Amino acid sequence: MESSFTPTEELLNARVAQQDSLENPIPYQEILLTRLCMHVHGKLLESRNNMLRAQGVNETLFMALMILDTKESHSIQPSELSAALGSSRTNATRIADELEKMVGLNVKRVTMIDAAYTCI
């Protein structure tokens, strides 16, 4: 049964055969495990993005909402959001703008209570 990882595995096996003929082995296990981890990570992201897209959000908005939800006051300033996301203040403002368009939140400060969004 062929998997989505089969082409990568076949290329790696071909490379091993080339290197073996030159008596110059490559670290097969390490390369295979690294490539497999990268492959699985990509598939997990793809699955998560499909789930989020079905809910009308993307990864960035989801993370912003999770950060907002973890705040005790359920509110955050864009400058705090940028620090929490590890992004620029400009990007945090863009995210706040997107949240405002999605659910009518105030850009300066947003609150989330029991999955209902309100302006303060």
PDB file of N, CA and C in Angstrom:
ATOM      1  N   MET A   1       0.847  -1.178   0.000  1.00  0.00           N
ATOM      2  CA  MET A   1       0.000   0.000   0.000  1.00  0.00           C
ATOM      3  C   MET A   1       0.891   1.239   0.000  1.00  0.00           C
ATOM      4  N   GLU A   2       0.662   2.089  -0.965  1.00  0.00           N
ATOM      5  CA  GLU A   2       1.476   3.296  -1.091  1.00  0.00           C
ATOM      6  C   GLU A   2       0.914   4.407  -0.214  1.00  0.00           C
ATOM      7  N   SER A   3       1.829   5.110   0.454  1.00  0.00           N
ATOM      8  CA  SER A   3       1.424   6.239   1.290  1.00  0.00           C
ATOM      9  C   SER A   3       1.957   7.526   0.674  1.00  0.00           C
ATOM     10  N   SER A   4       1.586   8.638   1.259  1.00  0.00           N
ATOM     11  CA  SER A   4       2.080   9.923   0.763  1.00  0.00           C
ATOM     12  C   SER A   4       3.569  10.095   1.039  1.00  0.00           C
ATOM     13  N   PHE A   5       4.125   9.255   1.901  1.00  0.00           N
ATOM     14  CA  PHE A   5       5.552   9.315   2.220  1.00  0.00           C
ATOM     15  C   PHE A   5       6.384   8.422   1.299  1.00  0.00           C
ATOM     16  N   THR A   6       5.741   7.535   0.545  1.00  0.00           N
ATOM     17  CA  THR A   6       6.446   6.577  -0.310  1.00  0.00           C
ATOM     18  C   THR A   6       7.433   7.230  -1.276  1.00  0.00           C
ATOM     19  N   PRO A   7       7.081   8.301  -1.991  1.00  0.00           N
ATOM     20  CA  PRO A   7       8.058   8.909  -2.907  1.00  0.00           C
ATOM     21  C   PRO A   7       9.336   9.379  -2.193  1.00  0.00           C
ATOM     22  N   THR A   8       9.188   9.948  -1.016  1.00  0.00           N
ATOM     23  CA  THR A   8      10.360  10.394  -0.256  1.00  0.00           C
ATOM     24  C   THR A   8      11.211   9.202   0.144  1.00  0.00           C
ATOM     25  N   GLU A   9      10.563   8.149   0.601  1.00  0.00           N
ATOM     26  CA  GLU A   9      11.276   6.942   1.019  1.00  0.00           C
ATOM     27  C   GLU A   9      12.008   6.296  -0.160  1.00  0.00           C
ATOM     28  N   GLU A  10      11.369   6.274  -1.323  1.00  0.00           N
ATOM     29  CA  GLU A  10      12.002   5.698  -2.515  1.00  0.00           C
ATOM     30  C   GLU A  10      13.239   6.493  -2.923  1.00  0.00           C
ATOM     31  N   LEU A  11      13.143   7.827  -2.874  1.00  0.00           N
ATOM     32  CA  LEU A  11      14.304   8.661  -3.204  1.00  0.00           C
ATOM     33  C   LEU A  11      15.445   8.448  -2.220  1.00  0.00           C
ATOM     34  N   LEU A  12      15.115   8.336  -0.956  1.00  0.00           N
ATOM     35  CA  LEU A  12      16.140   8.105   0.055  1.00  0.00           C
ATOM     36  C   LEU A  12      16.801   6.742  -0.140  1.00  0.00           C
ATOM     37  N   ASN A  13      16.008   5.728  -0.454  1.00  0.00           N
ATOM     38  CA  ASN A  13      16.570   4.397  -0.708  1.00  0.00           C
ATOM     39  C   ASN A  13      17.478   4.398  -1.933  1.00  0.00           C
ATOM     40  N   ALA A  14      17.105   5.146  -2.969  1.00  0.00           N
ATOM     41  CA  ALA A  14      17.956   5.256  -4.160  1.00  0.00           C
ATOM     42  C   ALA A  14      19.277   5.926  -3.806  1.00  0.00           C
ATOM     43  N   ARG A  15      19.204   6.946  -2.965  1.00  0.00           N
ATOM     44  CA  ARG A  15      20.431   7.640  -2.542  1.00  0.00           C
ATOM     45  C   ARG A  15      21.321   6.712  -1.721  1.00  0.00           C
ATOM     46  N   VAL A  16      20.724   5.898  -0.867  1.00  0.00           N
ATOM     47  CA  VAL A  16      21.491   4.930  -0.074  1.00  0.00           C
ATOM     48  C   VAL A  16      22.216   3.963  -1.006  1.00  0.00           C
ATOM     49  N   ALA A  17      21.519   3.484  -2.040  1.00  0.00           N
ATOM     50  CA  ALA A  17      22.138   2.552  -2.991  1.00  0.00           C
ATOM     51  C   ALA A  17      23.312   3.214  -3.704  1.00  0.00           C
ATOM     52  N   GLN A  18      23.178   4.476  -4.083  1.00  0.00           N
ATOM     53  CA  GLN A  18      24.283   5.206  -4.726  1.00  0.00           C
ATOM     54  C   GLN A  18      25.471   5.330  -3.782  1.00  0.00           C
ATOM     55  N   GLN A  19      25.204   5.717  -2.567  1.00  0.00           N
ATOM     56  CA  GLN A  19      26.282   5.925  -1.601  1.00  0.00           C
ATOM     57  C   GLN A  19      26.956   4.613  -1.224  1.00  0.00           C
ATOM     58  N   ASP A  20      26.184   3.521  -1.133  1.00  0.00           N
ATOM     59  CA  ASP A  20      26.766   2.218  -0.804  1.00  0.00           C
ATOM     60  C   ASP A  20      27.748   1.776  -1.876  1.00  0.00           C
ATOM     61  N   SER A  21      27.441   2.069  -3.140  1.00  0.00           N
ATOM     62  CA  SER A  21      28.351   1.682  -4.220  1.00  0.00           C
ATOM     63  C   SER A  21      29.649   2.475  -4.156  1.00  0.00           C
ATOM     64  N   LEU A  22      29.624   3.623  -3.529  1.00  0.00           N
ATOM     65  CA  LEU A  22      30.824   4.451  -3.366  1.00  0.00           C
ATOM     66  C   LEU A  22      31.508   4.199  -2.022  1.00  0.00           C
ATOM     67  N   GLU A  23      30.982   3.240  -1.279  1.00  0.00           N
ATOM     68  CA  GLU A  23      31.492   2.937   0.062  1.00  0.00           C
ATOM     69  C   GLU A  23      31.532   4.188   0.937  1.00  0.00           C
ATOM     70  N   ASN A  24      30.484   4.969   0.816  1.00  0.00           N
ATOM     71  CA  ASN A  24      30.368   6.204   1.586  1.00  0.00           C
ATOM     72  C   ASN A  24      28.942   6.266   2.150  1.00  0.00           C
ATOM     73  N   PRO A  25      28.661   5.502   3.212  1.00  0.00           N
ATOM     74  CA  PRO A  25      27.287   5.419   3.716  1.00  0.00           C
ATOM     75  C   PRO A  25      26.770   6.752   4.263  1.00  0.00           C
ATOM     76  N   ILE A  26      25.460   6.909   4.137  1.00  0.00           N
ATOM     77  CA  ILE A  26      24.818   8.102   4.695  1.00  0.00           C
ATOM     78  C   ILE A  26      24.074   7.689   5.968  1.00  0.00           C
ATOM     79  N   PRO A  27      23.784   8.630   6.853  1.00  0.00           N
ATOM     80  CA  PRO A  27      23.049   8.295   8.090  1.00  0.00           C
ATOM     81  C   PRO A  27      21.563   8.081   7.786  1.00  0.00           C
ATOM     82  N   TYR A  28      21.260   6.920   7.222  1.00  0.00           N
ATOM     83  CA  TYR A  28      19.922   6.606   6.728  1.00  0.00           C
ATOM     84  C   TYR A  28      18.836   6.799   7.784  1.00  0.00           C
ATOM     85  N   GLN A  29      19.004   6.184   8.951  1.00  0.00           N
ATOM     86  CA  GLN A  29      17.977   6.256   9.990  1.00  0.00           C
ATOM     87  C   GLN A  29      17.676   7.695  10.394  1.00  0.00           C
ATOM     88  N   GLU A  30      18.723   8.487  10.589  1.00  0.00           N
ATOM     89  CA  GLU A  30      18.548   9.877  11.004  1.00  0.00           C
ATOM     90  C   GLU A  30      17.815  10.689   9.936  1.00  0.00           C
ATOM     91  N   ILE A  31      18.213  10.491   8.687  1.00  0.00           N
ATOM     92  CA  ILE A  31      17.565  11.212   7.584  1.00  0.00           C
ATOM     93  C   ILE A  31      16.111  10.764   7.440  1.00  0.00           C
ATOM     94  N   LEU A  32      15.882   9.460   7.496  1.00  0.00           N
ATOM     95  CA  LEU A  32      14.525   8.925   7.365  1.00  0.00           C
ATOM     96  C   LEU A  32      13.614   9.465   8.469  1.00  0.00           C
ATOM     97  N   LEU A  33      14.077   9.427   9.706  1.00  0.00           N
ATOM     98  CA  LEU A  33      13.256   9.914  10.818  1.00  0.00           C
ATOM     99  C   LEU A  33      13.001  11.413  10.721  1.00  0.00           C
ATOM    100  N   THR A  34      14.014  12.170  10.317  1.00  0.00           N
ATOM    101  CA  THR A  34      13.840  13.618  10.159  1.00  0.00           C
ATOM    102  C   THR A  34      12.811  13.918   9.078  1.00  0.00           C
ATOM    103  N   ARG A  35      12.942  13.265   7.932  1.00  0.00           N
ATOM    104  CA  ARG A  35      11.999  13.489   6.836  1.00  0.00           C
ATOM    105  C   ARG A  35      10.585  13.036   7.217  1.00  0.00           C
ATOM    106  N   LEU A  36      10.493  11.922   7.958  1.00  0.00           N
ATOM    107  CA  LEU A  36       9.186  11.434   8.387  1.00  0.00           C
ATOM    108  C   LEU A  36       8.528  12.421   9.356  1.00  0.00           C
ATOM    109  N   CYS A  37       9.305  12.965  10.282  1.00  0.00           N
ATOM    110  CA  CYS A  37       8.769  13.976  11.207  1.00  0.00           C
ATOM    111  C   CYS A  37       8.273  15.197  10.445  1.00  0.00           C
ATOM    112  N   MET A  38       9.044  15.648   9.472  1.00  0.00           N
ATOM    113  CA  MET A  38       8.642  16.807   8.670  1.00  0.00           C
ATOM    114  C   MET A  38       7.358  16.498   7.896  1.00  0.00           C
ATOM    115  N   HIS A  39       7.278  15.292   7.364  1.00  0.00           N
ATOM    116  CA  HIS A  39       6.110  14.873   6.589  1.00  0.00           C
ATOM    117  C   HIS A  39       4.859  14.820   7.471  1.00  0.00           C
ATOM    118  N   VAL A  40       4.989  14.197   8.637  1.00  0.00           N
ATOM    119  CA  VAL A  40       3.855  14.084   9.558  1.00  0.00           C
ATOM    120  C   VAL A  40       3.427  15.468  10.039  1.00  0.00           C
ATOM    121  N   HIS A  41       4.389  16.335  10.333  1.00  0.00           N
ATOM    122  CA  HIS A  41       4.077  17.694  10.767  1.00  0.00           C
ATOM    123  C   HIS A  41       3.249  18.416   9.702  1.00  0.00           C
ATOM    124  N   GLY A  42       3.662  18.294   8.455  1.00  0.00           N
ATOM    125  CA  GLY A  42       2.914  18.915   7.358  1.00  0.00           C
ATOM    126  C   GLY A  42       1.499  18.378   7.248  1.00  0.00           C
ATOM    127  N   LYS A  43       1.342  17.072   7.412  1.00  0.00           N
ATOM    128  CA  LYS A  43       0.010  16.459   7.337  1.00  0.00           C
ATOM    129  C   LYS A  43      -0.870  16.912   8.502  1.00  0.00           C
ATOM    130  N   LEU A  44      -0.278  17.030   9.699  1.00  0.00           N
ATOM    131  CA  LEU A  44      -1.040  17.518  10.853  1.00  0.00           C
ATOM    132  C   LEU A  44      -1.502  18.956  10.635  1.00  0.00           C
ATOM    133  N   LEU A  45      -0.609  19.801  10.115  1.00  0.00           N
ATOM    134  CA  LEU A  45      -0.982  21.187   9.830  1.00  0.00           C
ATOM    135  C   LEU A  45      -2.087  21.260   8.788  1.00  0.00           C
ATOM    136  N   GLU A  46      -1.969  20.434   7.759  1.00  0.00           N
ATOM    137  CA  GLU A  46      -2.990  20.405   6.708  1.00  0.00           C
ATOM    138  C   GLU A  46      -4.350  20.015   7.292  1.00  0.00           C
ATOM    139  N   SER A  47      -4.356  18.999   8.136  1.00  0.00           N
ATOM    140  CA  SER A  47      -5.598  18.551   8.766  1.00  0.00           C
ATOM    141  C   SER A  47      -6.178  19.630   9.676  1.00  0.00           C
ATOM    142  N   ARG A  48      -5.315  20.246  10.466  1.00  0.00           N
ATOM    143  CA  ARG A  48      -5.772  21.308  11.377  1.00  0.00           C
ATOM    144  C   ARG A  48      -6.318  22.497  10.589  1.00  0.00           C
ATOM    145  N   ASN A  49      -5.621  22.883   9.518  1.00  0.00           N
ATOM    146  CA  ASN A  49      -6.084  24.009   8.711  1.00  0.00           C
ATOM    147  C   ASN A  49      -7.422  23.714   8.049  1.00  0.00           C
ATOM    148  N   ASN A  50      -7.630  22.482   7.617  1.00  0.00           N
ATOM    149  CA  ASN A  50      -8.925  22.104   7.036  1.00  0.00           C
ATOM    150  C   ASN A  50     -10.039  22.223   8.071  1.00  0.00           C
ATOM    151  N   MET A  51      -9.748  21.778   9.299  1.00  0.00           N
ATOM    152  CA  MET A  51     -10.733  21.872  10.368  1.00  0.00           C
ATOM    153  C   MET A  51     -11.037  23.341  10.682  1.00  0.00           C
ATOM    154  N   LEU A  52      -9.992  24.154  10.785  1.00  0.00           N
ATOM    155  CA  LEU A  52     -10.180  25.571  11.096  1.00  0.00           C
ATOM    156  C   LEU A  52     -10.924  26.291   9.976  1.00  0.00           C
ATOM    157  N   ARG A  53     -10.576  25.975   8.722  1.00  0.00           N
ATOM    158  CA  ARG A  53     -11.228  26.606   7.576  1.00  0.00           C
ATOM    159  C   ARG A  53     -12.730  26.323   7.604  1.00  0.00           C
ATOM    160  N   ALA A  54     -13.096  25.112   8.012  1.00  0.00           N
ATOM    161  CA  ALA A  54     -14.518  24.767   8.107  1.00  0.00           C
ATOM    162  C   ALA A  54     -15.236  25.627   9.144  1.00  0.00           C
ATOM    163  N   GLN A  55     -14.484  26.151  10.106  1.00  0.00           N
ATOM    164  CA  GLN A  55     -15.053  27.024  11.138  1.00  0.00           C
ATOM    165  C   GLN A  55     -14.921  28.505  10.780  1.00  0.00           C
ATOM    166  N   GLY A  56     -14.306  28.792   9.638  1.00  0.00           N
ATOM    167  CA  GLY A  56     -14.184  30.167   9.174  1.00  0.00           C
ATOM    168  C   GLY A  56     -13.020  30.943   9.745  1.00  0.00           C
ATOM    169  N   VAL A  57     -12.017  30.246  10.272  1.00  0.00           N
ATOM    170  CA  VAL A  57     -10.831  30.928  10.800  1.00  0.00           C
ATOM    171  C   VAL A  57      -9.571  30.294  10.225  1.00  0.00           C
ATOM    172  N   ASN A  58      -8.466  31.008  10.360  1.00  0.00           N
ATOM    173  CA  ASN A  58      -7.179  30.452   9.964  1.00  0.00           C
ATOM    174  C   ASN A  58      -6.336  30.224  11.216  1.00  0.00           C
ATOM    175  N   GLU A  59      -5.152  29.691  11.039  1.00  0.00           N
ATOM    176  CA  GLU A  59      -4.262  29.363  12.163  1.00  0.00           C
ATOM    177  C   GLU A  59      -3.973  30.582  13.036  1.00  0.00           C
ATOM    178  N   THR A  60      -3.680  31.706  12.419  1.00  0.00           N
ATOM    179  CA  THR A  60      -3.336  32.918  13.165  1.00  0.00           C
ATOM    180  C   THR A  60      -4.507  33.406  14.005  1.00  0.00           C
ATOM    181  N   LEU A  61      -5.689  33.446  13.410  1.00  0.00           N
ATOM    182  CA  LEU A  61      -6.869  33.877  14.164  1.00  0.00           C
ATOM    183  C   LEU A  61      -7.187  32.902  15.292  1.00  0.00           C
ATOM    184  N   PHE A  62      -7.017  31.617  15.026  1.00  0.00           N
ATOM    185  CA  PHE A  62      -7.253  30.611  16.057  1.00  0.00           C
ATOM    186  C   PHE A  62      -6.316  30.827  17.241  1.00  0.00           C
ATOM    187  N   MET A  63      -5.033  31.032  16.959  1.00  0.00           N
ATOM    188  CA  MET A  63      -4.069  31.251  18.039  1.00  0.00           C
ATOM    189  C   MET A  63      -4.396  32.536  18.795  1.00  0.00           C
ATOM    190  N   ALA A  64      -4.796  33.575  18.087  1.00  0.00           N
ATOM    191  CA  ALA A  64      -5.163  34.833  18.747  1.00  0.00           C
ATOM    192  C   ALA A  64      -6.358  34.621  19.672  1.00  0.00           C
ATOM    193  N   LEU A  65      -7.341  33.869  19.211  1.00  0.00           N
ATOM    194  CA  LEU A  65      -8.511  33.598  20.046  1.00  0.00           C
ATOM    195  C   LEU A  65      -8.152  32.738  21.256  1.00  0.00           C
ATOM    196  N   MET A  66      -7.236  31.783  21.075  1.00  0.00           N
ATOM    197  CA  MET A  66      -6.806  30.956  22.206  1.00  0.00           C
ATOM    198  C   MET A  66      -6.054  31.795  23.238  1.00  0.00           C
ATOM    199  N   ILE A  67      -5.216  32.699  22.767  1.00  0.00           N
ATOM    200  CA  ILE A  67      -4.498  33.599  23.675  1.00  0.00           C
ATOM    201  C   ILE A  67      -5.494  34.475  24.420  1.00  0.00           C
ATOM    202  N   LEU A  68      -6.446  35.000  23.694  1.00  0.00           N
ATOM    203  CA  LEU A  68      -7.485  35.839  24.295  1.00  0.00           C
ATOM    204  C   LEU A  68      -8.256  35.065  25.365  1.00  0.00           C
ATOM    205  N   ASP A  69      -8.574  33.827  25.069  1.00  0.00           N
ATOM    206  CA  ASP A  69      -9.339  33.003  25.997  1.00  0.00           C
ATOM    207  C   ASP A  69      -8.547  32.664  27.259  1.00  0.00           C
ATOM    208  N   THR A  70      -7.231  32.574  27.157  1.00  0.00           N
ATOM    209  CA  THR A  70      -6.424  32.229  28.328  1.00  0.00           C
ATOM    210  C   THR A  70      -6.186  33.410  29.253  1.00  0.00           C
ATOM    211  N   LYS A  71      -6.422  34.613  28.768  1.00  0.00           N
ATOM    212  CA  LYS A  71      -6.266  35.793  29.620  1.00  0.00           C
ATOM    213  C   LYS A  71      -7.373  35.786  30.674  1.00  0.00           C
ATOM    214  N   GLU A  72      -7.021  36.061  31.926  1.00  0.00           N
ATOM    215  CA  GLU A  72      -8.004  36.041  33.007  1.00  0.00           C
ATOM    216  C   GLU A  72      -9.178  36.980  32.730  1.00  0.00           C
ATOM    217  N   SER A  73      -8.874  38.140  32.176  1.00  0.00           N
ATOM    218  CA  SER A  73      -9.925  39.118  31.871  1.00  0.00           C
ATOM    219  C   SER A  73     -10.599  38.852  30.527  1.00  0.00           C
ATOM    220  N   HIS A  74     -10.069  37.877  29.772  1.00  0.00           N
ATOM    221  CA  HIS A  74     -10.551  37.577  28.416  1.00  0.00           C
ATOM    222  C   HIS A  74     -10.462  38.801  27.518  1.00  0.00           C
ATOM    223  N   SER A  75      -9.473  39.646  27.772  1.00  0.00           N
ATOM    224  CA  SER A  75      -9.264  40.828  26.931  1.00  0.00           C
ATOM    225  C   SER A  75      -7.770  41.015  26.722  1.00  0.00           C
ATOM    226  N   ILE A  76      -7.429  41.715  25.642  1.00  0.00           N
ATOM    227  CA  ILE A  76      -6.017  41.905  25.315  1.00  0.00           C
ATOM    228  C   ILE A  76      -5.860  43.143  24.433  1.00  0.00           C
ATOM    229  N   GLN A  77      -4.754  43.813  24.602  1.00  0.00           N
ATOM    230  CA  GLN A  77      -4.395  44.942  23.749  1.00  0.00           C
ATOM    231  C   GLN A  77      -3.611  44.393  22.549  1.00  0.00           C
ATOM    232  N   PRO A  78      -3.698  45.037  21.386  1.00  0.00           N
ATOM    233  CA  PRO A  78      -2.931  44.564  20.231  1.00  0.00           C
ATOM    234  C   PRO A  78      -1.428  44.450  20.505  1.00  0.00           C
ATOM    235  N   SER A  79      -0.869  45.347  21.314  1.00  0.00           N
ATOM    236  CA  SER A  79       0.565  45.255  21.620  1.00  0.00           C
ATOM    237  C   SER A  79       0.872  43.996  22.425  1.00  0.00           C
ATOM    238  N   GLU A  80      -0.027  43.619  23.340  1.00  0.00           N
ATOM    239  CA  GLU A  80       0.141  42.380  24.103  1.00  0.00           C
ATOM    240  C   GLU A  80      -0.008  41.169  23.183  1.00  0.00           C
ATOM    241  N   LEU A  81      -0.959  41.265  22.268  1.00  0.00           N
ATOM    242  CA  LEU A  81      -1.188  40.175  21.326  1.00  0.00           C
ATOM    243  C   LEU A  81       0.035  39.950  20.452  1.00  0.00           C
ATOM    244  N   SER A  82       0.654  41.037  19.996  1.00  0.00           N
ATOM    245  CA  SER A  82       1.845  40.889  19.153  1.00  0.00           C
ATOM    246  C   SER A  82       2.957  40.188  19.916  1.00  0.00           C
ATOM    247  N   ALA A  83       3.127  40.518  21.195  1.00  0.00           N
ATOM    248  CA  ALA A  83       4.159  39.864  22.001  1.00  0.00           C
ATOM    249  C   ALA A  83       3.833  38.383  22.205  1.00  0.00           C
ATOM    250  N   ALA A  84       2.571  38.075  22.474  1.00  0.00           N
ATOM    251  CA  ALA A  84       2.163  36.694  22.710  1.00  0.00           C
ATOM    252  C   ALA A  84       2.292  35.829  21.458  1.00  0.00           C
ATOM    253  N   LEU A  85       2.007  36.418  20.292  1.00  0.00           N
ATOM    254  CA  LEU A  85       2.107  35.673  19.029  1.00  0.00           C
ATOM    255  C   LEU A  85       3.519  35.670  18.460  1.00  0.00           C
ATOM    256  N   GLY A  86       4.376  36.539  19.007  1.00  0.00           N
ATOM    257  CA  GLY A  86       5.725  36.654  18.455  1.00  0.00           C
ATOM    258  C   GLY A  86       5.709  37.294  17.086  1.00  0.00           C
ATOM    259  N   SER A  87       4.794  38.231  16.881  1.00  0.00           N
ATOM    260  CA  SER A  87       4.689  38.904  15.585  1.00  0.00           C
ATOM    261  C   SER A  87       4.823  40.406  15.785  1.00  0.00           C
ATOM    262  N   SER A  88       4.800  41.113  14.689  1.00  0.00           N
ATOM    263  CA  SER A  88       4.928  42.570  14.759  1.00  0.00           C
ATOM    264  C   SER A  88       3.627  43.192  15.257  1.00  0.00           C
ATOM    265  N   ARG A  89       3.730  44.425  15.727  1.00  0.00           N
ATOM    266  CA  ARG A  89       2.521  45.140  16.154  1.00  0.00           C
ATOM    267  C   ARG A  89       1.602  45.393  14.966  1.00  0.00           C
ATOM    268  N   THR A  90       2.210  45.609  13.807  1.00  0.00           N
ATOM    269  CA  THR A  90       1.415  45.807  12.593  1.00  0.00           C
ATOM    270  C   THR A  90       0.583  44.561  12.306  1.00  0.00           C
ATOM    271  N   ASN A  91       1.202  43.394  12.429  1.00  0.00           N
ATOM    272  CA  ASN A  91       0.486  42.145  12.190  1.00  0.00           C
ATOM    273  C   ASN A  91      -0.606  41.930  13.242  1.00  0.00           C
ATOM    274  N   ALA A  92      -0.320  42.275  14.496  1.00  0.00           N
ATOM    275  CA  ALA A  92      -1.331  42.137  15.551  1.00  0.00           C
ATOM    276  C   ALA A  92      -2.522  43.050  15.279  1.00  0.00           C
ATOM    277  N   THR A  93      -2.254  44.231  14.763  1.00  0.00           N
ATOM    278  CA  THR A  93      -3.343  45.149  14.414  1.00  0.00           C
ATOM    279  C   THR A  93      -4.171  44.564  13.277  1.00  0.00           C
ATOM    280  N   ARG A  94      -3.504  43.954  12.294  1.00  0.00           N
ATOM    281  CA  ARG A  94      -4.215  43.299  11.188  1.00  0.00           C
ATOM    282  C   ARG A  94      -5.098  42.171  11.719  1.00  0.00           C
ATOM    283  N   ILE A  95      -4.566  41.398  12.662  1.00  0.00           N
ATOM    284  CA  ILE A  95      -5.340  40.308  13.266  1.00  0.00           C
ATOM    285  C   ILE A  95      -6.554  40.868  13.999  1.00  0.00           C
ATOM    286  N   ALA A  96      -6.342  41.939  14.766  1.00  0.00           N
ATOM    287  CA  ALA A  96      -7.460  42.575  15.476  1.00  0.00           C
ATOM    288  C   ALA A  96      -8.502  43.084  14.487  1.00  0.00           C
ATOM    289  N   ASP A  97      -8.042  43.637  13.365  1.00  0.00           N
ATOM    290  CA  ASP A  97      -8.971  44.100  12.325  1.00  0.00           C
ATOM    291  C   ASP A  97      -9.794  42.937  11.773  1.00  0.00           C
ATOM    292  N   GLU A  98      -9.135  41.793  11.553  1.00  0.00           N
ATOM    293  CA  GLU A  98      -9.850  40.617  11.051  1.00  0.00           C
ATOM    294  C   GLU A  98     -10.886  40.134  12.060  1.00  0.00           C
ATOM    295  N   LEU A  99     -10.502  40.131  13.340  1.00  0.00           N
ATOM    296  CA  LEU A  99     -11.455  39.727  14.379  1.00  0.00           C
ATOM    297  C   LEU A  99     -12.639  40.684  14.429  1.00  0.00           C
ATOM    298  N   GLU A 100     -12.346  41.959  14.256  1.00  0.00           N
ATOM    299  CA  GLU A 100     -13.416  42.962  14.255  1.00  0.00           C
ATOM    300  C   GLU A 100     -14.392  42.698  13.107  1.00  0.00           C
ATOM    301  N   LYS A 101     -13.856  42.397  11.925  1.00  0.00           N
ATOM    302  CA  LYS A 101     -14.713  42.117  10.767  1.00  0.00           C
ATOM    303  C   LYS A 101     -15.522  40.841  10.975  1.00  0.00           C
ATOM    304  N   MET A 102     -14.880  39.833  11.587  1.00  0.00           N
ATOM    305  CA  MET A 102     -15.551  38.547  11.784  1.00  0.00           C
ATOM    306  C   MET A 102     -16.722  38.637  12.751  1.00  0.00           C
ATOM    307  N   VAL A 103     -16.483  39.286  13.877  1.00  0.00           N
ATOM    308  CA  VAL A 103     -17.488  39.228  14.939  1.00  0.00           C
ATOM    309  C   VAL A 103     -17.825  40.580  15.548  1.00  0.00           C
ATOM    310  N   GLY A 104     -17.384  41.665  14.928  1.00  0.00           N
ATOM    311  CA  GLY A 104     -17.728  42.996  15.397  1.00  0.00           C
ATOM    312  C   GLY A 104     -17.049  43.414  16.683  1.00  0.00           C
ATOM    313  N   LEU A 105     -15.807  42.960  16.881  1.00  0.00           N
ATOM    314  CA  LEU A 105     -15.088  43.313  18.097  1.00  0.00           C
ATOM    315  C   LEU A 105     -14.424  44.668  17.979  1.00  0.00           C
ATOM    316  N   ASN A 106     -14.221  45.325  19.095  1.00  0.00           N
ATOM    317  CA  ASN A 106     -13.491  46.583  19.152  1.00  0.00           C
ATOM    318  C   ASN A 106     -12.011  46.288  18.949  1.00  0.00           C
ATOM    319  N   VAL A 107     -11.353  47.021  18.057  1.00  0.00           N
ATOM    320  CA  VAL A 107      -9.951  46.762  17.730  1.00  0.00           C
ATOM    321  C   VAL A 107      -9.030  47.020  18.907  1.00  0.00           C
ATOM    322  N   LYS A 108      -9.313  48.023  19.710  1.00  0.00           N
ATOM    323  CA  LYS A 108      -8.429  48.381  20.818  1.00  0.00           C
ATOM    324  C   LYS A 108      -8.425  47.336  21.922  1.00  0.00           C
ATOM    325  N   ARG A 109      -9.579  46.759  22.171  1.00  0.00           N
ATOM    326  CA  ARG A 109      -9.669  45.776  23.236  1.00  0.00           C
ATOM    327  C   ARG A 109     -10.836  44.852  22.932  1.00  0.00           C
ATOM    328  N   VAL A 110     -10.604  43.561  23.053  1.00  0.00           N
ATOM    329  CA  VAL A 110     -11.657  42.597  22.773  1.00  0.00           C
ATOM    330  C   VAL A 110     -11.862  41.707  23.986  1.00  0.00           C
ATOM    331  N   THR A 111     -13.077  41.240  24.148  1.00  0.00           N
ATOM    332  CA  THR A 111     -13.407  40.373  25.272  1.00  0.00           C
ATOM    333  C   THR A 111     -14.132  39.140  24.752  1.00  0.00           C
ATOM    334  N   MET A 112     -13.821  37.991  25.344  1.00  0.00           N
ATOM    335  CA  MET A 112     -14.503  36.757  24.988  1.00  0.00           C
ATOM    336  C   MET A 112     -15.037  36.132  26.267  1.00  0.00           C
ATOM    337  N   ILE A 113     -16.344  35.960  26.374  1.00  0.00           N
ATOM    338  CA  ILE A 113     -16.960  35.365  27.552  1.00  0.00           C
ATOM    339  C   ILE A 113     -17.880  34.249  27.079  1.00  0.00           C
ATOM    340  N   ASP A 114     -17.591  33.034  27.541  1.00  0.00           N
ATOM    341  CA  ASP A 114     -18.415  31.878  27.183  1.00  0.00           C
ATOM    342  C   ASP A 114     -18.675  31.791  25.684  1.00  0.00           C
ATOM    343  N   ALA A 115     -17.632  31.978  24.900  1.00  0.00           N
ATOM    344  CA  ALA A 115     -17.671  31.882  23.439  1.00  0.00           C
ATOM    345  C   ALA A 115     -18.538  32.945  22.790  1.00  0.00           C
ATOM    346  N   ALA A 116     -19.005  33.924  23.548  1.00  0.00           N
ATOM    347  CA  ALA A 116     -19.728  35.063  22.976  1.00  0.00           C
ATOM    348  C   ALA A 116     -18.790  36.257  22.987  1.00  0.00           C
ATOM    349  N   TYR A 117     -18.741  36.976  21.889  1.00  0.00           N
ATOM    350  CA  TYR A 117     -17.827  38.106  21.780  1.00  0.00           C
ATOM    351  C   TYR A 117     -18.590  39.391  22.066  1.00  0.00           C
ATOM    352  N   THR A 118     -17.994  40.223  22.900  1.00  0.00           N
ATOM    353  CA  THR A 118     -18.633  41.496  23.209  1.00  0.00           C
ATOM    354  C   THR A 118     -17.618  42.615  23.141  1.00  0.00           C
ATOM    355  N   CYS A 119     -18.068  43.813  22.849  1.00  0.00           N
ATOM    356  CA  CYS A 119     -17.207  44.994  22.858  1.00  0.00           C
ATOM    357  C   CYS A 119     -17.246  45.620  24.239  1.00  0.00           C
ATOM    358  N   ILE A 120     -16.113  46.183  24.657  1.00  0.00           N
ATOM    359  CA  ILE A 120     -16.116  46.903  25.934  1.00  0.00           C
ATOM    360  C   ILE A 120     -15.594  48.305  25.723  1.00  0.00           C
TER     361      ILE A 120
END
